[in-house]
Amino acid sequence: MSWRLRIAGVDYSVEADMPTISIMQSNKHRGGIMTCDVNIAGKAKPRPKSLQSIYLEHVTAGSADWRLFGGVIATSEQYEIQPTTYGYHLTCVDLTRFLDHVPIGASVYTGAVSDVVKQIVQDWAAPGNLVTGALSDPAPDAPITTNHVQDLSVQVYGFQPLYIPVSAALDQLARMVYASWWVDPYGDIYFCMPDSTWARAPLPTVAPVTFFNQDLVAGEPVGMTTQSLPLLDADVDWAEYRDLRIAEDATQLITCVHARDYQEVSTVPAEENPSNNAKLRGDGSTRFFPLYNTPVDPAHTLVYVDAKEYSTGRGNLRTEYIDGTPAAPTEDDWCFVCQSNQGIRFNLAPPSQSSIRVIYNYYANGQDVMKNLTLAAEVAAREGFGGGRIYQILSDPTLTQPISLSDGTPPWLAAEQITLSRYGRIKYKATFSTRRSGWRPGQVFAIQSARRGDQADAASYNTWGQTFRQRFWVVQTSTKLNNDDVADTRVEAHADIWGE
């Protein structure tokens, strides 16, 4: 195997100082970076166009059967070696660059998440496309394809990644469904679930592994679970992975989450009338009547003026979206639910001395505490005092339930579940070096070692078990070319898919 460096189609393998080639790829900051030195002898001017960063020349590094890197030159630093020999220190970014700087306009996407991924790339990062929306500059000739976007049936409704890069939109979609994604050295996007064969780390053995689930992927069971995963057996493969280190971190351990400062929909409707709200009495001219609480919407509101009913069923109760501005001609006998100024407004003023009665569900201040009592008991037993209840406060008004009495998980409850899942465990990080090719961020595998386990504990949130078995995701890799035949890769992997 012989390493080759090509820039703009020109082979610079002879001019390149191969041991200076260093490649870092990461999911912590999306994409990869390669640095290298190229020495040009015999002429000082003109600078080779292929070594100038402004032209975004395509750079590849690797061998005939293993491409290590594909990208473009980001910076080019010239230095003089001697009067007739000049060196160029190049910093190159991988092909994710074509997704990082292209902003998405005011587009709304609905459909299967895999179809949405493909459509976003087609709309905003495909070769020769024009950037539409508020921008009119042509997109670059992006060598991006979507041949490895896994078909996923999860539906996305009204996804609008307004004026953010394509890569940021793909990050959001990946987190929605717990997928990994990356751009390979050939410019093809991989977007796949952890159980996809595309996400497997390059280990020769794939076997069922039973482990305590530290990072719950959608649909997976809590606690012990079994999956077929590429297996790194640290006892059997000791010679190859002798520098394997497994670190645990309990600095952010949380056992209880307290959400507050959000608004939730009342489950029992309130009723206001002249007996408890003196302002609910018509005078023949007043059209707006304040309420004690904020009504959620017309669908969960009934208004009576004496015996006359205003409701969505009768088609005469609607939403006032803009304070003071009706959604229909003022001569119609309609009533409007006003969230912005917390009340109701009539197009036609109720008659003098009429009784106004409002029955409605409303937004109320909410708070909730979610606890992992099993984990708290483990912490208490380990510390020897207290209840093991370590709190995280979520003070976030944006967690307000957006649609009244809607089905599904309220935002505040989802935030609690995510926080407790993220921080309700000791974090594991594994690092090791290898000369095996093909490692990259986004891959999944398992580490097993009977020699590294605990003395008698069973595997749990905070104990390894007598045999250490855990699923890991590759978060970052650093590859260094030693010579024309050998490359060393340093792998950093976490038990959390995002490395958080």
Protein backbone atom coordinates (compact mmCIF):
# COMPACT_ATOMS: atom_id res chain seq x y z
CA MET A 1 0.00 0.00 0.00
CA SER A 2 1.39 3.39 -1.00
CA TRP A 3 -0.08 6.74 0.06
CA ARG A 4 -1.00 9.26 -2.63
CA LEU A 5 -1.83 12.98 -2.39
CA ARG A 6 -3.77 14.55 -5.26
CA ILE A 7 -4.79 18.20 -5.54
CA ALA A 8 -6.97 19.43 -8.42
CA GLY A 9 -6.27 16.17 -10.21
CA VAL A 10 -2.48 16.65 -9.96
CA ASP A 11 -0.45 13.99 -8.19
CA TYR A 12 1.71 15.64 -5.50
CA SER A 13 2.82 12.40 -3.86
CA VAL A 14 6.48 13.05 -4.66
CA GLU A 15 6.40 16.68 -3.50
CA ALA A 16 4.38 15.93 -0.37
CA ASP A 17 6.12 15.34 2.94
CA MET A 18 4.00 12.30 3.85
CA PRO A 19 4.83 12.18 7.59
CA THR A 20 3.41 15.71 7.89
CA ILE A 21 -0.05 14.53 6.79
CA SER A 22 -2.38 14.55 9.78
CA ILE A 23 -6.14 13.97 9.56
CA MET A 24 -8.64 14.70 12.32
CA GLN A 25 -12.35 13.85 11.99
CA SER A 26 -14.93 14.65 14.64
CA ASN A 27 -18.62 14.73 15.49
CA LYS A 28 -17.92 17.29 18.23
CA HIS A 29 -17.38 19.93 15.57
CA ARG A 30 -18.85 18.47 12.41
CA GLY A 31 -16.41 17.43 9.67
CA GLY A 32 -12.70 16.75 9.27
CA ILE A 33 -9.41 18.63 8.84
CA MET A 34 -6.20 17.54 7.13
CA THR A 35 -2.85 19.34 7.34
CA CYS A 36 0.20 18.60 5.19
CA ASP A 37 3.32 20.15 3.63
CA VAL A 38 4.06 20.23 -0.09
CA ASN A 39 7.49 21.33 -1.37
CA ILE A 40 7.81 22.81 -4.88
CA ALA A 41 11.31 23.17 -6.30
CA GLY A 42 12.57 25.04 -9.35
CA LYS A 43 10.33 28.10 -9.49
CA ALA A 44 9.03 30.80 -7.19
CA LYS A 45 6.33 32.25 -9.45
CA PRO A 46 3.65 31.86 -10.38
CA ARG A 47 2.19 30.10 -7.34
CA PRO A 48 0.56 26.88 -8.51
CA LYS A 49 -3.18 27.51 -8.77
CA SER A 50 -3.82 24.09 -7.30
CA LEU A 51 -2.17 25.18 -4.02
CA GLN A 52 -4.20 28.38 -3.58
CA SER A 53 -7.09 28.23 -1.14
CA ILE A 54 -9.35 30.64 -3.04
CA TYR A 55 -10.12 28.11 -5.78
CA LEU A 56 -11.46 25.38 -3.44
CA GLU A 57 -9.41 22.78 -5.27
CA HIS A 58 -10.35 19.17 -4.53
CA VAL A 59 -7.85 17.31 -2.33
CA THR A 60 -7.66 13.56 -1.75
CA ALA A 61 -5.28 11.51 0.35
CA GLY A 62 -5.05 7.75 0.71
CA SER A 63 -4.15 4.63 -1.18
CA ALA A 64 -5.70 2.83 -4.11
CA ASP A 65 -8.00 0.82 -1.82
CA TRP A 66 -8.48 3.22 1.13
CA ARG A 67 -9.21 6.92 0.73
CA LEU A 68 -8.32 8.61 3.99
CA PHE A 69 -9.54 12.10 3.16
CA GLY A 70 -11.50 14.07 0.59
CA GLY A 71 -11.97 17.81 0.79
CA VAL A 72 -10.79 21.24 -0.32
CA ILE A 73 -7.93 23.58 0.63
CA ALA A 74 -8.97 26.05 3.34
CA THR A 75 -5.67 27.84 4.00
CA SER A 76 -2.34 27.82 2.19
CA GLU A 77 0.81 29.10 3.92
CA GLN A 78 3.90 29.66 1.75
CA TYR A 79 7.44 29.55 3.17
CA GLU A 80 10.88 29.59 1.58
CA ILE A 81 13.11 26.55 2.04
CA GLN A 82 15.86 27.93 -0.18
CA PRO A 83 15.87 30.45 -3.06
CA THR A 84 14.56 27.96 -5.59
CA THR A 85 12.43 25.77 -3.32
CA TYR A 86 9.19 26.79 -1.68
CA GLY A 87 7.02 24.95 0.76
CA TYR A 88 3.26 25.17 1.24
CA HIS A 89 1.63 24.24 4.52
CA LEU A 90 -1.94 23.31 3.64
CA THR A 91 -4.96 23.08 5.90
CA CYS A 92 -7.82 21.28 4.20
CA VAL A 93 -11.42 20.79 5.30
CA ASP A 94 -13.44 17.76 4.30
CA LEU A 95 -16.43 17.80 1.96
CA THR A 96 -18.81 18.66 4.82
CA ARG A 97 -17.65 22.18 3.98
CA PHE A 98 -20.21 22.25 1.17
CA LEU A 99 -22.96 21.73 3.75
CA ASP A 100 -21.58 24.08 6.40
CA HIS A 101 -21.84 27.39 4.59
CA VAL A 102 -25.00 26.98 2.52
CA PRO A 103 -27.98 28.57 4.35
CA ILE A 104 -31.43 27.09 3.90
CA GLY A 105 -34.15 29.58 2.95
CA ALA A 106 -37.76 29.66 4.07
CA SER A 107 -38.53 26.07 3.07
CA VAL A 108 -40.86 23.75 4.99
CA TYR A 109 -40.39 19.98 4.77
CA THR A 110 -42.85 17.22 5.60
CA GLY A 111 -42.42 13.49 5.04
CA ALA A 112 -40.24 10.56 6.02
CA VAL A 113 -37.04 11.80 7.64
CA SER A 114 -34.87 10.08 5.01
CA ASP A 115 -36.82 11.80 2.22
CA VAL A 116 -36.46 15.15 4.00
CA VAL A 117 -32.67 14.68 4.25
CA LYS A 118 -32.42 13.94 0.53
CA GLN A 119 -34.69 16.83 -0.42
CA ILE A 120 -32.77 19.37 1.67
CA VAL A 121 -29.49 18.32 0.05
CA GLN A 122 -31.11 18.36 -3.39
CA ASP A 123 -32.57 21.83 -2.80
CA TRP A 124 -29.54 23.49 -1.28
CA ALA A 125 -26.32 21.56 -1.90
CA ALA A 126 -26.66 19.68 -5.17
CA PRO A 127 -24.26 20.43 -8.08
CA GLY A 128 -25.29 23.46 -10.10
CA ASN A 129 -28.39 24.35 -8.09
CA LEU A 130 -29.23 27.97 -7.44
CA VAL A 131 -29.80 29.09 -3.88
CA THR A 132 -33.39 30.31 -3.77
CA GLY A 133 -35.42 32.16 -1.15
CA ALA A 134 -33.97 35.43 0.11
CA LEU A 135 -30.55 34.65 -1.41
CA SER A 136 -29.77 34.57 -5.10
CA ASP A 137 -26.10 33.59 -5.34
CA PRO A 138 -25.35 30.31 -7.12
CA ALA A 139 -24.41 27.39 -4.93
CA PRO A 140 -20.93 25.90 -5.40
CA ASP A 141 -20.48 22.83 -7.55
CA ALA A 142 -20.86 20.65 -4.47
CA PRO A 143 -19.76 17.02 -4.98
CA ILE A 144 -22.38 15.81 -2.51
CA THR A 145 -24.54 12.71 -3.02
CA THR A 146 -27.07 10.88 -0.83
CA ASN A 147 -26.56 7.25 -1.79
CA HIS A 148 -26.26 6.08 1.83
CA VAL A 149 -29.27 7.76 3.43
CA GLN A 150 -31.07 4.90 5.15
CA ASP A 151 -34.79 4.55 4.38
CA LEU A 152 -36.51 5.56 7.64
CA SER A 153 -40.27 5.68 8.09
CA VAL A 154 -40.24 8.23 10.94
CA GLN A 155 -42.34 11.18 9.79
CA VAL A 156 -41.32 14.83 10.08
CA TYR A 157 -44.06 17.47 9.97
CA GLY A 158 -43.49 21.11 9.11
CA PHE A 159 -39.69 21.04 9.56
CA GLN A 160 -38.43 24.55 8.77
CA PRO A 161 -34.67 24.98 9.27
CA LEU A 162 -34.81 28.71 8.62
CA TYR A 163 -31.50 30.23 7.42
CA ILE A 164 -29.18 27.72 9.06
CA PRO A 165 -26.54 25.65 7.23
CA VAL A 166 -27.53 22.35 5.67
CA SER A 167 -25.23 20.56 8.13
CA ALA A 168 -27.07 22.11 11.10
CA ALA A 169 -30.41 20.96 9.66
CA LEU A 170 -29.07 17.42 9.27
CA ASP A 171 -27.85 17.56 12.87
CA GLN A 172 -31.36 18.45 14.03
CA LEU A 173 -32.93 15.64 12.01
CA ALA A 174 -30.36 13.13 13.28
CA ARG A 175 -31.10 14.04 16.89
CA MET A 176 -34.83 13.66 16.28
CA VAL A 177 -34.42 10.00 15.35
CA TYR A 178 -31.10 9.17 17.08
CA ALA A 179 -29.22 8.64 13.85
CA SER A 180 -25.57 9.09 12.95
CA TRP A 181 -24.54 11.04 9.89
CA TRP A 182 -21.32 12.02 8.14
CA VAL A 183 -19.90 12.81 4.70
CA ASP A 184 -17.42 10.21 3.46
CA PRO A 185 -14.18 11.08 1.59
CA TYR A 186 -16.02 10.63 -1.74
CA GLY A 187 -18.70 13.21 -0.87
CA ASP A 188 -21.50 10.75 -0.12
CA ILE A 189 -23.74 11.38 2.89
CA TYR A 190 -24.27 8.55 5.36
CA PHE A 191 -27.40 9.03 7.48
CA CYS A 192 -28.27 5.84 9.33
CA MET A 193 -29.46 4.28 12.56
CA PRO A 194 -26.98 2.66 14.98
CA ASP A 195 -28.10 -0.86 14.01
CA SER A 196 -27.36 -0.26 10.32
CA THR A 197 -24.48 -2.21 8.80
CA TRP A 198 -23.22 1.14 7.46
CA ALA A 199 -22.61 2.29 11.04
CA ARG A 200 -20.48 -0.69 12.06
CA ALA A 201 -16.91 -0.06 13.11
CA PRO A 202 -14.22 -1.91 11.10
CA LEU A 203 -13.74 -4.85 13.48
CA PRO A 204 -13.57 -8.41 12.12
CA THR A 205 -15.97 -9.95 14.69
CA VAL A 206 -19.67 -9.10 14.93
CA ALA A 207 -21.40 -10.87 17.82
CA PRO A 208 -24.39 -10.53 20.18
CA VAL A 209 -23.34 -8.42 23.15
CA THR A 210 -25.43 -8.03 26.33
CA PHE A 211 -24.76 -4.73 28.06
CA PHE A 212 -26.39 -2.24 30.42
CA ASN A 213 -27.88 0.40 28.15
CA GLN A 214 -26.21 3.68 29.05
CA ASP A 215 -27.73 5.73 26.23
CA LEU A 216 -31.31 4.91 25.34
CA VAL A 217 -31.93 4.94 21.60
CA ALA A 218 -35.60 5.20 20.62
CA GLY A 219 -37.38 1.89 21.12
CA GLU A 220 -34.63 0.26 23.14
CA PRO A 221 -35.33 -1.27 26.57
CA VAL A 222 -34.15 0.30 29.81
CA GLY A 223 -31.33 -1.60 31.48
CA MET A 224 -29.84 -4.80 30.09
CA THR A 225 -30.18 -5.25 26.34
CA THR A 226 -28.58 -7.45 23.68
CA GLN A 227 -27.44 -6.30 20.24
CA SER A 228 -25.22 -7.67 17.49
CA LEU A 229 -22.26 -5.30 17.39
CA PRO A 230 -18.69 -5.24 16.10
CA LEU A 231 -16.74 -6.50 19.09
CA LEU A 232 -13.43 -5.30 20.49
CA ASP A 233 -12.45 -7.94 23.06
CA ALA A 234 -9.77 -6.18 25.07
CA ASP A 235 -8.56 -9.50 26.56
CA VAL A 236 -8.27 -11.42 23.28
CA ASP A 237 -7.03 -8.43 21.23
CA TRP A 238 -4.68 -7.15 23.92
CA ALA A 239 -1.66 -7.06 21.65
CA GLU A 240 -3.43 -4.76 19.18
CA TYR A 241 -5.28 -2.61 21.71
CA ARG A 242 -2.87 -2.66 24.64
CA ASP A 243 -3.14 1.12 25.08
CA LEU A 244 -6.95 0.96 25.49
CA ARG A 245 -8.10 3.30 28.24
CA ILE A 246 -11.63 3.39 29.66
CA ALA A 247 -12.50 6.50 31.64
CA GLU A 248 -15.58 7.07 33.76
CA ASP A 249 -16.86 10.53 34.67
CA ALA A 250 -19.42 11.19 37.40
CA THR A 251 -19.01 14.97 37.56
CA GLN A 252 -22.37 15.66 35.91
CA LEU A 253 -24.41 12.93 37.54
CA ILE A 254 -28.09 13.93 37.95
CA THR A 255 -30.77 11.81 39.64
CA CYS A 256 -33.69 14.30 39.73
CA VAL A 257 -34.87 16.93 37.25
CA HIS A 258 -37.10 19.82 38.29
CA ALA A 259 -38.83 21.61 35.40
CA ARG A 260 -40.47 24.95 36.15
CA ASP A 261 -41.43 28.36 34.70
CA TYR A 262 -43.35 26.75 31.84
CA GLN A 263 -47.07 26.92 31.09
CA GLU A 264 -49.28 23.86 30.85
CA VAL A 265 -52.90 23.46 29.82
CA SER A 266 -55.44 23.08 32.60
CA THR A 267 -57.19 19.73 32.58
CA VAL A 268 -60.34 21.23 34.19
CA PRO A 269 -62.01 24.18 32.45
CA ALA A 270 -62.52 27.44 34.34
CA GLU A 271 -65.77 29.39 34.26
CA GLU A 272 -65.95 33.15 34.54
CA ASN A 273 -69.22 35.10 34.73
CA PRO A 274 -70.49 38.32 36.31
CA SER A 275 -70.60 36.68 39.75
CA ASN A 276 -66.81 36.14 39.86
CA ASN A 277 -65.68 38.64 37.20
CA ALA A 278 -67.58 41.91 37.39
CA LYS A 279 -66.24 43.02 34.02
CA LEU A 280 -68.25 40.32 32.22
CA ARG A 281 -71.36 42.49 31.92
CA GLY A 282 -72.33 44.08 28.61
CA ASP A 283 -72.89 47.83 28.35
CA GLY A 284 -73.78 48.13 24.66
CA SER A 285 -70.41 49.58 23.63
CA THR A 286 -67.58 47.51 25.18
CA ARG A 287 -66.31 44.78 22.88
CA PHE A 288 -63.21 43.48 24.74
CA PHE A 289 -63.53 41.64 28.06
CA PRO A 290 -60.44 40.54 30.06
CA LEU A 291 -60.17 37.13 31.72
CA TYR A 292 -58.18 36.02 34.75
CA ASN A 293 -56.24 33.41 32.73
CA THR A 294 -54.95 33.00 29.16
CA PRO A 295 -57.36 30.87 27.08
CA VAL A 296 -55.59 28.20 25.03
CA ASP A 297 -57.65 28.34 21.82
CA PRO A 298 -61.24 28.54 20.50
CA ALA A 299 -61.58 24.74 20.34
CA HIS A 300 -61.53 24.59 24.14
CA THR A 301 -63.59 27.72 24.80
CA LEU A 302 -67.34 28.36 25.03
CA VAL A 303 -68.77 31.89 25.26
CA TYR A 304 -72.39 32.76 26.14
CA VAL A 305 -74.05 36.16 25.92
CA ASP A 306 -77.22 35.43 27.87
CA ALA A 307 -78.50 32.38 25.93
CA LYS A 308 -76.55 32.99 22.71
CA GLU A 309 -73.62 30.57 22.24
CA TYR A 310 -70.32 31.31 20.52
CA SER A 311 -68.26 28.19 19.72
CA THR A 312 -66.17 26.58 17.00
CA GLY A 313 -69.03 24.19 16.40
CA ARG A 314 -71.29 27.09 15.49
CA GLY A 315 -68.53 28.72 13.45
CA ASN A 316 -68.74 32.05 15.30
CA LEU A 317 -65.73 31.71 17.67
CA ARG A 318 -62.26 32.25 16.21
CA THR A 319 -58.69 33.17 17.08
CA GLU A 320 -57.49 36.75 17.13
CA TYR A 321 -53.89 36.47 15.93
CA ILE A 322 -53.08 40.20 16.07
CA ASP A 323 -54.14 42.29 19.02
CA GLY A 324 -57.06 44.51 18.01
CA THR A 325 -57.27 43.23 14.44
CA PRO A 326 -60.15 40.89 13.60
CA ALA A 327 -59.74 38.02 11.19
CA ALA A 328 -63.02 38.86 9.42
CA PRO A 329 -65.30 41.86 8.65
CA THR A 330 -66.37 43.68 11.80
CA GLU A 331 -70.08 43.54 10.93
CA ASP A 332 -70.20 39.74 11.48
CA ASP A 333 -71.48 38.64 14.87
CA TRP A 334 -68.35 36.75 15.87
CA CYS A 335 -66.34 36.40 19.04
CA PHE A 336 -62.55 36.11 19.14
CA VAL A 337 -60.27 34.36 21.65
CA CYS A 338 -57.36 36.69 22.40
CA GLN A 339 -54.21 35.11 23.83
CA SER A 340 -52.01 38.18 23.35
CA ASN A 341 -54.13 40.32 25.70
CA GLN A 342 -55.76 37.52 27.71
CA GLY A 343 -59.45 37.88 27.02
CA ILE A 344 -62.24 37.71 24.46
CA ARG A 345 -63.43 40.30 21.96
CA PHE A 346 -66.71 40.64 20.08
CA ASN A 347 -67.14 42.21 16.67
CA LEU A 348 -70.53 43.49 17.83
CA ALA A 349 -70.73 44.80 21.40
CA PRO A 350 -73.03 42.74 23.70
CA PRO A 351 -76.25 44.51 24.67
CA SER A 352 -76.43 46.58 27.84
CA GLN A 353 -76.91 44.50 31.02
CA SER A 354 -76.31 41.23 29.15
CA SER A 355 -74.57 38.47 31.11
CA ILE A 356 -71.35 37.11 29.57
CA ARG A 357 -70.18 33.63 30.58
CA VAL A 358 -66.86 32.09 29.45
CA ILE A 359 -65.94 28.42 29.97
CA TYR A 360 -62.38 27.67 28.88
CA ASN A 361 -59.21 25.68 29.35
CA TYR A 362 -56.29 27.94 30.11
CA TYR A 363 -52.53 28.10 30.48
CA ALA A 364 -51.32 27.86 34.07
CA ASN A 365 -47.91 27.96 35.67
CA GLY A 366 -46.56 24.44 35.87
CA GLN A 367 -43.77 22.57 37.57
CA ASP A 368 -42.79 18.93 37.68
CA VAL A 369 -40.09 16.75 39.22
CA MET A 370 -38.87 13.55 37.58
CA LYS A 371 -36.73 11.18 39.63
CA ASN A 372 -34.59 8.13 38.95
CA LEU A 373 -35.05 6.55 42.36
CA THR A 374 -33.03 3.45 41.45
CA LEU A 375 -30.05 5.58 40.59
CA ALA A 376 -30.62 7.80 43.66
CA ALA A 377 -30.54 4.70 45.89
CA GLU A 378 -27.24 3.64 44.29
CA VAL A 379 -25.75 7.09 44.90
CA ALA A 380 -27.00 7.14 48.50
CA ALA A 381 -25.54 3.69 49.18
CA ARG A 382 -22.21 4.71 47.70
CA GLU A 383 -22.00 8.03 49.54
CA GLY A 384 -23.31 6.62 52.80
CA PHE A 385 -25.58 9.56 53.62
CA GLY A 386 -28.52 11.51 52.22
CA GLY A 387 -31.05 10.37 49.67
CA GLY A 388 -28.80 10.49 46.62
CA ARG A 389 -31.04 13.10 45.01
CA ILE A 390 -28.92 15.36 42.83
CA TYR A 391 -31.11 17.97 41.14
CA GLN A 392 -30.95 19.68 37.78
CA ILE A 393 -33.24 22.73 37.45
CA LEU A 394 -34.87 23.34 34.05
CA SER A 395 -36.13 26.93 34.17
CA ASP A 396 -37.35 27.41 30.62
CA PRO A 397 -40.55 29.25 29.59
CA THR A 398 -40.19 27.88 26.04
CA LEU A 399 -41.23 24.46 27.34
CA THR A 400 -44.85 25.69 27.34
CA GLN A 401 -47.25 23.19 25.79
CA PRO A 402 -47.84 24.69 22.31
CA ILE A 403 -51.13 23.02 21.36
CA SER A 404 -53.91 22.74 23.88
CA LEU A 405 -54.60 19.27 25.25
CA SER A 406 -52.65 17.70 22.41
CA ASP A 407 -51.73 14.03 22.30
CA GLY A 408 -48.10 13.08 22.79
CA THR A 409 -45.40 14.07 25.24
CA PRO A 410 -45.48 17.69 26.48
CA PRO A 411 -42.23 19.61 25.84
CA TRP A 412 -41.43 20.00 29.53
CA LEU A 413 -41.82 16.26 30.14
CA ALA A 414 -39.68 15.42 27.09
CA ALA A 415 -36.99 17.82 28.34
CA GLU A 416 -36.99 16.08 31.73
CA GLN A 417 -36.72 12.65 30.14
CA ILE A 418 -33.85 13.73 27.87
CA THR A 419 -31.96 15.40 30.71
CA LEU A 420 -32.34 12.41 33.01
CA SER A 421 -31.28 10.06 30.21
CA ARG A 422 -28.23 12.21 29.41
CA TYR A 423 -27.01 12.84 32.95
CA GLY A 424 -28.54 9.98 34.93
CA ARG A 425 -25.48 7.80 34.53
CA ILE A 426 -21.73 7.80 34.81
CA LYS A 427 -20.20 8.62 31.45
CA TYR A 428 -17.77 6.27 29.71
CA LYS A 429 -15.06 7.27 27.27
CA ALA A 430 -12.67 4.85 25.54
CA THR A 431 -9.47 5.82 23.73
CA PHE A 432 -7.01 3.62 21.85
CA SER A 433 -4.64 3.55 18.89
CA THR A 434 -4.89 1.20 15.94
CA ARG A 435 -3.41 0.56 12.52
CA ARG A 436 -6.64 -1.00 11.30
CA SER A 437 -8.12 1.07 8.46
CA GLY A 438 -11.64 2.44 8.20
CA TRP A 439 -12.30 4.05 11.59
CA ARG A 440 -14.35 7.24 11.50
CA PRO A 441 -16.85 9.20 13.67
CA GLY A 442 -20.42 7.91 13.74
CA GLN A 443 -19.53 4.22 13.90
CA VAL A 444 -20.80 1.91 16.64
CA PHE A 445 -19.09 -1.05 18.35
CA ALA A 446 -18.80 -2.78 21.74
CA ILE A 447 -15.88 -3.23 24.13
CA GLN A 448 -15.69 -6.35 26.27
CA SER A 449 -13.21 -7.34 28.96
CA ALA A 450 -13.55 -9.90 31.75
CA ARG A 451 -10.27 -8.76 33.27
CA ARG A 452 -11.39 -5.15 33.60
CA GLY A 453 -14.74 -5.73 35.38
CA ASP A 454 -15.75 -4.98 38.97
CA GLN A 455 -15.31 -7.50 41.76
CA ALA A 456 -18.90 -8.56 42.39
CA ASP A 457 -21.23 -5.88 41.12
CA ALA A 458 -23.90 -6.39 38.50
CA ALA A 459 -23.89 -3.98 35.57
CA SER A 460 -26.01 -0.88 36.24
CA TYR A 461 -26.09 2.85 35.63
CA ASN A 462 -22.92 3.27 37.66
CA THR A 463 -21.13 -0.06 37.85
CA TRP A 464 -19.29 -1.99 35.16
CA GLY A 465 -20.30 -5.47 36.23
CA GLN A 466 -17.95 -8.41 36.68
CA THR A 467 -17.27 -8.34 32.94
CA PHE A 468 -17.07 -4.92 31.32
CA ARG A 469 -19.39 -4.82 28.31
CA GLN A 470 -20.53 -1.55 26.83
CA ARG A 471 -21.66 -0.08 23.52
CA PHE A 472 -19.62 2.85 22.21
CA TRP A 473 -19.90 5.37 19.38
CA VAL A 474 -16.81 6.74 17.68
CA VAL A 475 -16.79 10.50 18.25
CA GLN A 476 -13.35 11.54 17.01
CA THR A 477 -10.41 10.04 15.11
CA SER A 478 -6.91 11.36 14.44
CA THR A 479 -4.81 9.68 11.74
CA LYS A 480 -1.09 10.22 11.18
CA LEU A 481 0.89 8.83 8.23
CA ASN A 482 4.14 7.34 9.49
CA ASN A 483 5.59 6.53 6.07
CA ASP A 484 4.43 5.41 2.65
CA ASP A 485 2.86 2.24 4.04
CA VAL A 486 1.70 2.78 7.63
CA ALA A 487 -0.95 4.99 9.23
CA ASP A 488 -1.74 5.20 12.95
CA THR A 489 -5.26 6.19 14.03
CA ARG A 490 -6.19 7.42 17.48
CA VAL A 491 -9.85 6.67 18.29
CA GLU A 492 -12.02 8.42 20.88
CA ALA A 493 -15.38 6.77 21.58
CA HIS A 494 -18.20 7.47 24.05
CA ALA A 495 -21.12 5.47 25.44
CA ASP A 496 -23.26 8.45 24.36
CA ILE A 497 -23.92 8.78 20.63
CA TRP A 498 -23.14 12.52 20.71
CA GLY A 499 -20.15 12.31 23.05
CA GLU A 500 -21.98 14.45 25.62
